[in-house]
PDB file of N, CA and C in Angstrom:
ATOM      1  N   UNK A   1      57.056  27.797  10.387  1.00  0.00           N
ATOM      2  CA  UNK A   1      56.050  26.741   9.100  1.00  0.00           C
ATOM      3  C   UNK A   1      54.689  27.322   7.879  1.00  0.00           C
ATOM      4  N   UNK A   2      54.436  28.970   8.456  1.00  0.00           N
ATOM      5  CA  UNK A   2      53.341  29.396   7.819  1.00  0.00           C
ATOM      6  C   UNK A   2      54.397  30.958   6.382  1.00  0.00           C
ATOM      7  N   UNK A   3      53.576  30.869   5.951  1.00  0.00           N
ATOM      8  CA  UNK A   3      53.282  32.076   5.617  1.00  0.00           C
ATOM      9  C   UNK A   3      52.734  33.245   6.449  1.00  0.00           C
ATOM     10  N   UNK A   4      53.359  34.962   5.867  1.00  0.00           N
ATOM     11  CA  UNK A   4      53.199  35.349   6.772  1.00  0.00           C
ATOM     12  C   UNK A   4      51.587  35.320   7.356  1.00  0.00           C
ATOM     13  N   UNK A   5      50.393  35.399   6.358  1.00  0.00           N
ATOM     14  CA  UNK A   5      49.181  35.812   7.079  1.00  0.00           C
ATOM     15  C   UNK A   5      48.687  34.240   6.650  1.00  0.00           C
ATOM     16  N   UNK A   6      48.503  33.048   7.176  1.00  0.00           N
ATOM     17  CA  UNK A   6      48.082  31.625   6.348  1.00  0.00           C
ATOM     18  C   UNK A   6      46.416  32.479   6.975  1.00  0.00           C
ATOM     19  N   UNK A   7      46.006  31.366   6.057  1.00  0.00           N
ATOM     20  CA  UNK A   7      44.267  31.598   5.785  1.00  0.00           C
ATOM     21  C   UNK A   7      43.795  30.936   6.868  1.00  0.00           C
ATOM     22  N   UNK A   8      43.519  30.851   8.169  1.00  0.00           N
ATOM     23  CA  UNK A   8      43.258  29.257   8.879  1.00  0.00           C
ATOM     24  C   UNK A   8      41.848  29.517   8.932  1.00  0.00           C
ATOM     25  N   UNK A   9      41.044  28.278   9.754  1.00  0.00           N
ATOM     26  CA  UNK A   9      39.649  28.296  10.013  1.00  0.00           C
ATOM     27  C   UNK A   9      39.188  26.876  11.338  1.00  0.00           C
ATOM     28  N   UNK A  10      38.804  27.603  11.962  1.00  0.00           N
ATOM     29  CA  UNK A  10      38.728  26.629  13.342  1.00  0.00           C
ATOM     30  C   UNK A  10      36.951  27.019  13.356  1.00  0.00           C
ATOM     31  N   UNK A  11      36.602  25.842  14.145  1.00  0.00           N
ATOM     32  CA  UNK A  11      34.936  26.412  14.264  1.00  0.00           C
ATOM     33  C   UNK A  11      34.528  27.616  15.764  1.00  0.00           C
ATOM     34  N   UNK A  12      35.967  27.558  16.292  1.00  0.00           N
ATOM     35  CA  UNK A  12      35.687  28.277  17.371  1.00  0.00           C
ATOM     36  C   UNK A  12      36.391  30.147  16.591  1.00  0.00           C
ATOM     37  N   UNK A  13      36.509  29.866  14.977  1.00  0.00           N
ATOM     38  CA  UNK A  13      36.117  31.477  14.917  1.00  0.00           C
ATOM     39  C   UNK A  13      34.870  32.105  13.817  1.00  0.00           C
ATOM     40  N   UNK A  14      33.774  30.702  13.273  1.00  0.00           N
ATOM     41  CA  UNK A  14      32.500  30.742  12.924  1.00  0.00           C
ATOM     42  C   UNK A  14      32.465  29.886  11.464  1.00  0.00           C
ATOM     43  N   UNK A  15      32.547  30.674  10.786  1.00  0.00           N
ATOM     44  CA  UNK A  15      32.290  29.320   9.891  1.00  0.00           C
ATOM     45  C   UNK A  15      33.483  29.509   8.939  1.00  0.00           C
ATOM     46  N   UNK A  16      33.705  30.993   8.457  1.00  0.00           N
ATOM     47  CA  UNK A  16      34.792  31.489   6.533  1.00  0.00           C
ATOM     48  C   UNK A  16      36.382  31.282   8.056  1.00  0.00           C
ATOM     49  N   UNK A  17      37.475  31.201   6.830  1.00  0.00           N
ATOM     50  CA  UNK A  17      38.295  31.380   7.066  1.00  0.00           C
ATOM     51  C   UNK A  17      38.429  32.975   7.424  1.00  0.00           C
ATOM     52  N   UNK A  18      39.802  32.882   8.257  1.00  0.00           N
ATOM     53  CA  UNK A  18      40.663  34.481   8.945  1.00  0.00           C
ATOM     54  C   UNK A  18      42.095  34.135   8.706  1.00  0.00           C
ATOM     55  N   UNK A  19      42.583  35.594   8.034  1.00  0.00           N
ATOM     56  CA  UNK A  19      44.137  35.624   8.093  1.00  0.00           C
ATOM     57  C   UNK A  19      44.860  36.389   9.312  1.00  0.00           C
ATOM     58  N   UNK A  20      45.724  35.463   9.797  1.00  0.00           N
ATOM     59  CA  UNK A  20      46.294  35.567  11.078  1.00  0.00           C
ATOM     60  C   UNK A  20      47.958  35.835  10.999  1.00  0.00           C
ATOM     61  N   UNK A  21      48.628  36.810  11.105  1.00  0.00           N
ATOM     62  CA  UNK A  21      49.909  36.972  11.670  1.00  0.00           C
ATOM     63  C   UNK A  21      50.281  35.853  12.669  1.00  0.00           C
ATOM     64  N   UNK A  22      51.520  35.676  12.120  1.00  0.00           N
ATOM     65  CA  UNK A  22      52.410  34.934  12.957  1.00  0.00           C
ATOM     66  C   UNK A  22      52.241  35.076  14.494  1.00  0.00           C
ATOM     67  N   UNK A  23      52.394  35.987  15.440  1.00  0.00           N
ATOM     68  CA  UNK A  23      51.575  36.527  16.235  1.00  0.00           C
ATOM     69  C   UNK A  23      50.413  36.799  16.531  1.00  0.00           C
ATOM     70  N   UNK A  24      49.330  36.565  16.157  1.00  0.00           N
ATOM     71  CA  UNK A  24      48.688  35.889  16.981  1.00  0.00           C
ATOM     72  C   UNK A  24      48.044  34.503  16.433  1.00  0.00           C
ATOM     73  N   UNK A  25      48.939  33.835  15.386  1.00  0.00           N
ATOM     74  CA  UNK A  25      48.758  32.325  15.663  1.00  0.00           C
ATOM     75  C   UNK A  25      49.984  31.588  17.566  1.00  0.00           C
ATOM     76  N   UNK A  26      51.113  31.837  17.719  1.00  0.00           N
ATOM     77  CA  UNK A  26      51.343  32.313  18.465  1.00  0.00           C
ATOM     78  C   UNK A  26      50.388  32.510  19.917  1.00  0.00           C
ATOM     79  N   UNK A  27      49.840  33.589  19.881  1.00  0.00           N
ATOM     80  CA  UNK A  27      48.692  34.023  20.595  1.00  0.00           C
ATOM     81  C   UNK A  27      48.098  32.815  20.807  1.00  0.00           C
ATOM     82  N   UNK A  28      47.239  32.641  19.707  1.00  0.00           N
ATOM     83  CA  UNK A  28      45.635  31.464  19.853  1.00  0.00           C
ATOM     84  C   UNK A  28      46.420  29.702  20.145  1.00  0.00           C
ATOM     85  N   UNK A  29      47.348  29.198  20.063  1.00  0.00           N
ATOM     86  CA  UNK A  29      48.345  28.363  21.033  1.00  0.00           C
ATOM     87  C   UNK A  29      48.762  28.332  22.320  1.00  0.00           C
ATOM     88  N   UNK A  30      49.415  29.667  22.761  1.00  0.00           N
ATOM     89  CA  UNK A  30      49.808  30.440  24.085  1.00  0.00           C
ATOM     90  C   UNK A  30      48.172  30.175  24.747  1.00  0.00           C
ATOM     91  N   UNK A  31      46.690  30.735  24.258  1.00  0.00           N
ATOM     92  CA  UNK A  31      46.500  30.638  25.495  1.00  0.00           C
ATOM     93  C   UNK A  31      45.579  29.006  24.929  1.00  0.00           C
ATOM     94  N   UNK A  32      45.778  28.653  24.767  1.00  0.00           N
ATOM     95  CA  UNK A  32      45.038  27.021  24.846  1.00  0.00           C
ATOM     96  C   UNK A  32      46.260  27.121  25.838  1.00  0.00           C
ATOM     97  N   UNK A  33      47.098  26.525  25.737  1.00  0.00           N
ATOM     98  CA  UNK A  33      48.180  25.789  26.589  1.00  0.00           C
ATOM     99  C   UNK A  33      48.391  26.442  28.230  1.00  0.00           C
ATOM    100  N   UNK A  34      47.863  27.867  28.026  1.00  0.00           N
ATOM    101  CA  UNK A  34      47.188  27.986  29.306  1.00  0.00           C
ATOM    102  C   UNK A  34      46.050  27.886  29.766  1.00  0.00           C
ATOM    103  N   UNK A  35      45.147  28.073  29.309  1.00  0.00           N
ATOM    104  CA  UNK A  35      43.488  26.541  29.218  1.00  0.00           C
ATOM    105  C   UNK A  35      43.907  26.029  29.365  1.00  0.00           C
ATOM    106  N   UNK A  36      44.802  24.967  28.769  1.00  0.00           N
ATOM    107  CA  UNK A  36      44.432  23.284  29.070  1.00  0.00           C
ATOM    108  C   UNK A  36      46.377  23.451  28.906  1.00  0.00           C
ATOM    109  N   UNK A  37      46.176  23.590  30.594  1.00  0.00           N
ATOM    110  CA  UNK A  37      48.230  22.758  30.339  1.00  0.00           C
ATOM    111  C   UNK A  37      48.958  21.918  29.811  1.00  0.00           C
ATOM    112  N   UNK A  38      47.845  20.565  30.615  1.00  0.00           N
ATOM    113  CA  UNK A  38      47.867  18.695  29.692  1.00  0.00           C
ATOM    114  C   UNK A  38      47.239  18.658  28.221  1.00  0.00           C
ATOM    115  N   UNK A  39      47.258  19.859  27.781  1.00  0.00           N
ATOM    116  CA  UNK A  39      46.863  19.850  26.139  1.00  0.00           C
ATOM    117  C   UNK A  39      48.005  18.600  25.499  1.00  0.00           C
ATOM    118  N   UNK A  40      47.293  17.832  24.788  1.00  0.00           N
ATOM    119  CA  UNK A  40      48.215  16.539  23.956  1.00  0.00           C
ATOM    120  C   UNK A  40      47.534  16.116  22.885  1.00  0.00           C
ATOM    121  N   UNK A  41      48.061  16.054  21.870  1.00  0.00           N
ATOM    122  CA  UNK A  41      47.323  15.641  20.133  1.00  0.00           C
ATOM    123  C   UNK A  41      48.635  14.806  19.453  1.00  0.00           C
ATOM    124  N   UNK A  42      47.476  13.690  19.634  1.00  0.00           N
ATOM    125  CA  UNK A  42      48.384  12.184  18.707  1.00  0.00           C
ATOM    126  C   UNK A  42      48.352  12.420  17.448  1.00  0.00           C
ATOM    127  N   UNK A  43      49.060  12.194  16.753  1.00  0.00           N
ATOM    128  CA  UNK A  43      48.506  12.098  15.044  1.00  0.00           C
ATOM    129  C   UNK A  43      48.476  10.243  15.404  1.00  0.00           C
ATOM    130  N   UNK A  44      47.483  10.192  14.298  1.00  0.00           N
ATOM    131  CA  UNK A  44      46.442   9.554  14.144  1.00  0.00           C
ATOM    132  C   UNK A  44      46.237   8.287  12.395  1.00  0.00           C
ATOM    133  N   UNK A  45      46.385   9.784  11.469  1.00  0.00           N
ATOM    134  CA  UNK A  45      47.410   9.054  10.375  1.00  0.00           C
ATOM    135  C   UNK A  45      47.167  10.641   9.694  1.00  0.00           C
ATOM    136  N   UNK A  46      47.505  10.703   8.523  1.00  0.00           N
ATOM    137  CA  UNK A  46      47.938  11.748   8.080  1.00  0.00           C
ATOM    138  C   UNK A  46      48.577  11.406   6.275  1.00  0.00           C
ATOM    139  N   UNK A  47      47.716  12.000   5.149  1.00  0.00           N
ATOM    140  CA  UNK A  47      47.128  12.063   4.368  1.00  0.00           C
ATOM    141  C   UNK A  47      47.863  12.993   2.794  1.00  0.00           C
ATOM    142  N   UNK A  48      48.694  12.000   3.297  1.00  0.00           N
ATOM    143  CA  UNK A  48      49.383  13.808   2.141  1.00  0.00           C
ATOM    144  C   UNK A  48      49.190  13.726   0.644  1.00  0.00           C
ATOM    145  N   UNK A  49      49.104  14.724  -0.957  1.00  0.00           N
ATOM    146  CA  UNK A  49      48.987  14.551  -1.985  1.00  0.00           C
ATOM    147  C   UNK A  49      49.908  15.438  -2.644  1.00  0.00           C
ATOM    148  N   UNK A  50      49.335  16.673  -2.904  1.00  0.00           N
ATOM    149  CA  UNK A  50      49.990  16.833  -4.668  1.00  0.00           C
ATOM    150  C   UNK A  50      50.842  18.831  -3.503  1.00  0.00           C
ATOM    151  N   UNK A  51      49.506  19.293  -2.855  1.00  0.00           N
ATOM    152  CA  UNK A  51      49.808  20.821  -2.420  1.00  0.00           C
ATOM    153  C   UNK A  51      49.961  20.560  -1.253  1.00  0.00           C
ATOM    154  N   UNK A  52      48.868  20.029  -1.005  1.00  0.00           N
ATOM    155  CA  UNK A  52      47.972  19.225   1.084  1.00  0.00           C
ATOM    156  C   UNK A  52      48.829  17.340   1.968  1.00  0.00           C
ATOM    157  N   UNK A  53      48.282  18.839   2.414  1.00  0.00           N
ATOM    158  CA  UNK A  53      48.584  17.172   3.350  1.00  0.00           C
ATOM    159  C   UNK A  53      46.695  16.721   4.800  1.00  0.00           C
ATOM    160  N   UNK A  54      46.387  15.982   4.837  1.00  0.00           N
ATOM    161  CA  UNK A  54      45.522  16.788   5.614  1.00  0.00           C
ATOM    162  C   UNK A  54      45.719  15.396   6.655  1.00  0.00           C
ATOM    163  N   UNK A  55      46.038  16.502   8.008  1.00  0.00           N
ATOM    164  CA  UNK A  55      46.217  15.631   9.163  1.00  0.00           C
ATOM    165  C   UNK A  55      44.620  15.483  10.197  1.00  0.00           C
ATOM    166  N   UNK A  56      45.599  13.616  10.875  1.00  0.00           N
ATOM    167  CA  UNK A  56      43.853  13.450  11.164  1.00  0.00           C
ATOM    168  C   UNK A  56      44.544  13.319  12.883  1.00  0.00           C
ATOM    169  N   UNK A  57      44.168  13.848  14.202  1.00  0.00           N
ATOM    170  CA  UNK A  57      44.863  13.364  15.463  1.00  0.00           C
ATOM    171  C   UNK A  57      43.667  13.597  16.094  1.00  0.00           C
ATOM    172  N   UNK A  58      44.184  13.675  17.006  1.00  0.00           N
ATOM    173  CA  UNK A  58      42.898  13.498  18.517  1.00  0.00           C
ATOM    174  C   UNK A  58      43.735  13.838  19.347  1.00  0.00           C
ATOM    175  N   UNK A  59      43.180  15.730  20.002  1.00  0.00           N
ATOM    176  CA  UNK A  59      43.281  16.615  21.184  1.00  0.00           C
ATOM    177  C   UNK A  59      42.944  15.621  22.180  1.00  0.00           C
ATOM    178  N   UNK A  60      43.535  15.712  23.505  1.00  0.00           N
ATOM    179  CA  UNK A  60      42.990  15.827  23.905  1.00  0.00           C
ATOM    180  C   UNK A  60      44.425  16.318  26.437  1.00  0.00           C
ATOM    181  N   UNK A  61      42.999  16.291  27.051  1.00  0.00           N
ATOM    182  CA  UNK A  61      43.394  16.641  27.499  1.00  0.00           C
ATOM    183  C   UNK A  61      42.616  17.066  29.137  1.00  0.00           C
ATOM    184  N   UNK A  62      42.227  18.168  29.888  1.00  0.00           N
ATOM    185  CA  UNK A  62      41.780  18.142  30.963  1.00  0.00           C
ATOM    186  C   UNK A  62      40.968  19.911  30.681  1.00  0.00           C
ATOM    187  N   UNK A  63      39.717  19.832  30.902  1.00  0.00           N
ATOM    188  CA  UNK A  63      38.826  21.442  30.922  1.00  0.00           C
ATOM    189  C   UNK A  63      39.220  21.711  31.435  1.00  0.00           C
ATOM    190  N   UNK A  64      38.645  22.457  31.765  1.00  0.00           N
ATOM    191  CA  UNK A  64      39.075  23.966  32.612  1.00  0.00           C
ATOM    192  C   UNK A  64      38.238  23.924  33.796  1.00  0.00           C
ATOM    193  N   UNK A  65      36.994  22.906  33.840  1.00  0.00           N
ATOM    194  CA  UNK A  65      36.058  22.457  34.508  1.00  0.00           C
ATOM    195  C   UNK A  65      36.200  21.348  35.096  1.00  0.00           C
ATOM    196  N   UNK A  66      37.504  20.676  35.012  1.00  0.00           N
ATOM    197  CA  UNK A  66      38.225  20.351  35.468  1.00  0.00           C
ATOM    198  C   UNK A  66      38.373  18.625  35.156  1.00  0.00           C
ATOM    199  N   UNK A  67      36.870  18.645  34.048  1.00  0.00           N
ATOM    200  CA  UNK A  67      36.993  17.115  33.156  1.00  0.00           C
ATOM    201  C   UNK A  67      38.037  16.535  31.954  1.00  0.00           C
ATOM    202  N   UNK A  68      37.974  15.181  32.104  1.00  0.00           N
ATOM    203  CA  UNK A  68      38.768  15.286  31.152  1.00  0.00           C
ATOM    204  C   UNK A  68      38.059  14.546  29.506  1.00  0.00           C
ATOM    205  N   UNK A  69      39.523  14.585  28.544  1.00  0.00           N
ATOM    206  CA  UNK A  69      38.352  15.096  27.523  1.00  0.00           C
ATOM    207  C   UNK A  69      39.483  14.746  26.570  1.00  0.00           C
ATOM    208  N   UNK A  70      38.849  13.954  25.128  1.00  0.00           N
ATOM    209  CA  UNK A  70      39.907  12.975  24.349  1.00  0.00           C
ATOM    210  C   UNK A  70      38.194  13.912  22.489  1.00  0.00           C
ATOM    211  N   UNK A  71      39.026  14.759  21.946  1.00  0.00           N
ATOM    212  CA  UNK A  71      38.879  15.349  20.949  1.00  0.00           C
ATOM    213  C   UNK A  71      39.567  14.912  19.606  1.00  0.00           C
ATOM    214  N   UNK A  72      38.677  14.400  18.239  1.00  0.00           N
ATOM    215  CA  UNK A  72      38.754  14.269  17.257  1.00  0.00           C
ATOM    216  C   UNK A  72      38.895  14.951  16.786  1.00  0.00           C
ATOM    217  N   UNK A  73      40.010  15.474  15.834  1.00  0.00           N
ATOM    218  CA  UNK A  73      39.911  16.684  14.836  1.00  0.00           C
ATOM    219  C   UNK A  73      41.003  15.636  13.556  1.00  0.00           C
ATOM    220  N   UNK A  74      40.677  16.855  12.765  1.00  0.00           N
ATOM    221  CA  UNK A  74      40.719  16.686  11.215  1.00  0.00           C
ATOM    222  C   UNK A  74      41.717  18.448  10.799  1.00  0.00           C
ATOM    223  N   UNK A  75      42.386  18.753  10.362  1.00  0.00           N
ATOM    224  CA  UNK A  75      43.603  19.210  10.047  1.00  0.00           C
ATOM    225  C   UNK A  75      43.817  19.163   8.197  1.00  0.00           C
ATOM    226  N   UNK A  76      43.442  20.706   7.544  1.00  0.00           N
ATOM    227  CA  UNK A  76      43.520  20.501   6.039  1.00  0.00           C
ATOM    228  C   UNK A  76      44.705  21.573   5.727  1.00  0.00           C
ATOM    229  N   UNK A  77      45.629  20.892   5.760  1.00  0.00           N
ATOM    230  CA  UNK A  77      47.299  22.042   4.914  1.00  0.00           C
ATOM    231  C   UNK A  77      47.639  21.960   3.413  1.00  0.00           C
ATOM    232  N   UNK A  78      47.239  22.959   3.023  1.00  0.00           N
ATOM    233  CA  UNK A  78      48.090  23.541   2.084  1.00  0.00           C
ATOM    234  C   UNK A  78      49.602  24.319   1.881  1.00  0.00           C
ATOM    235  N   UNK A  79      50.448  23.657   1.365  1.00  0.00           N
ATOM    236  CA  UNK A  79      51.882  23.938   0.863  1.00  0.00           C
ATOM    237  C   UNK A  79      51.218  25.110   0.357  1.00  0.00           C
ATOM    238  N   UNK A  80      52.418  26.100  -0.184  1.00  0.00           N
ATOM    239  CA  UNK A  80      52.947  26.897  -0.930  1.00  0.00           C
ATOM    240  C   UNK A  80      54.726  27.552  -0.302  1.00  0.00           C
ATOM    241  N   UNK A  81      55.075  26.831  -1.802  1.00  0.00           N
ATOM    242  CA  UNK A  81      56.324  27.457  -2.062  1.00  0.00           C
ATOM    243  C   UNK A  81      56.962  26.790  -0.637  1.00  0.00           C
ATOM    244  N   UNK A  82      56.726  25.161   0.667  1.00  0.00           N
ATOM    245  CA  UNK A  82      57.238  25.037   1.090  1.00  0.00           C
ATOM    246  C   UNK A  82      56.626  25.473   2.923  1.00  0.00           C
ATOM    247  N   UNK A  83      55.886  26.143   2.862  1.00  0.00           N
ATOM    248  CA  UNK A  83      54.939  26.641   3.928  1.00  0.00           C
ATOM    249  C   UNK A  83      53.306  26.496   3.737  1.00  0.00           C
ATOM    250  N   UNK A  84      53.173  25.969   4.988  1.00  0.00           N
ATOM    251  CA  UNK A  84      51.801  26.916   4.988  1.00  0.00           C
ATOM    252  C   UNK A  84      50.941  27.470   4.554  1.00  0.00           C
ATOM    253  N   UNK A  85      50.470  27.717   3.683  1.00  0.00           N
ATOM    254  CA  UNK A  85      48.742  29.003   3.254  1.00  0.00           C
ATOM    255  C   UNK A  85      47.658  28.689   3.792  1.00  0.00           C
ATOM    256  N   UNK A  86      47.551  28.001   3.979  1.00  0.00           N
ATOM    257  CA  UNK A  86      46.351  27.129   5.114  1.00  0.00           C
ATOM    258  C   UNK A  86      46.217  26.466   6.016  1.00  0.00           C
ATOM    259  N   UNK A  87      45.801  26.622   6.445  1.00  0.00           N
ATOM    260  CA  UNK A  87      45.270  25.512   8.107  1.00  0.00           C
ATOM    261  C   UNK A  87      43.639  25.353   8.058  1.00  0.00           C
ATOM    262  N   UNK A  88      43.446  24.644   8.188  1.00  0.00           N
ATOM    263  CA  UNK A  88      42.044  24.331   7.719  1.00  0.00           C
ATOM    264  C   UNK A  88      41.552  23.460   8.703  1.00  0.00           C
ATOM    265  N   UNK A  89      41.025  23.742   9.718  1.00  0.00           N
ATOM    266  CA  UNK A  89      41.802  22.577  10.987  1.00  0.00           C
ATOM    267  C   UNK A  89      39.569  22.771  11.158  1.00  0.00           C
ATOM    268  N   UNK A  90      39.034  21.343  11.498  1.00  0.00           N
ATOM    269  CA  UNK A  90      37.433  20.910  11.502  1.00  0.00           C
ATOM    270  C   UNK A  90      37.379  20.053  13.291  1.00  0.00           C
ATOM    271  N   UNK A  91      36.551  20.063  14.073  1.00  0.00           N
ATOM    272  CA  UNK A  91      36.563  19.485  15.296  1.00  0.00           C
ATOM    273  C   UNK A  91      35.207  19.911  15.403  1.00  0.00           C
ATOM    274  N   UNK A  92      34.564  19.212  16.217  1.00  0.00           N
ATOM    275  CA  UNK A  92      32.825  19.030  17.020  1.00  0.00           C
ATOM    276  C   UNK A  92      33.823  20.773  18.558  1.00  0.00           C
ATOM    277  N   UNK A  93      32.135  21.632  17.871  1.00  0.00           N
ATOM    278  CA  UNK A  93      33.130  22.277  18.669  1.00  0.00           C
ATOM    279  C   UNK A  93      31.762  22.737  19.586  1.00  0.00           C
ATOM    280  N   UNK A  94      30.766  21.674  19.796  1.00  0.00           N
ATOM    281  CA  UNK A  94      30.057  21.521  20.766  1.00  0.00           C
ATOM    282  C   UNK A  94      30.736  21.288  22.149  1.00  0.00           C
TER     283      UNK A  94
END
């Protein structure tokens, strides 16, 4: 669903957008699932516009220290030619 090298933003990467390949995106989410095997996302709402879709969701699971967590997240997807060109994700990384 992504272009070859979309711009990604994630608090884990710092404040700037980074370009990632498909392989890097797969690696990112594979590592997340290894670290938090029971991670689940529940979509709260979606807000579409002409070339963007904003998705509000809640991620939950069990952290590596054994504590349960619930984290509100918001992602802004920019769509170009039917594919995701930007994936800008915001959450509290503390």
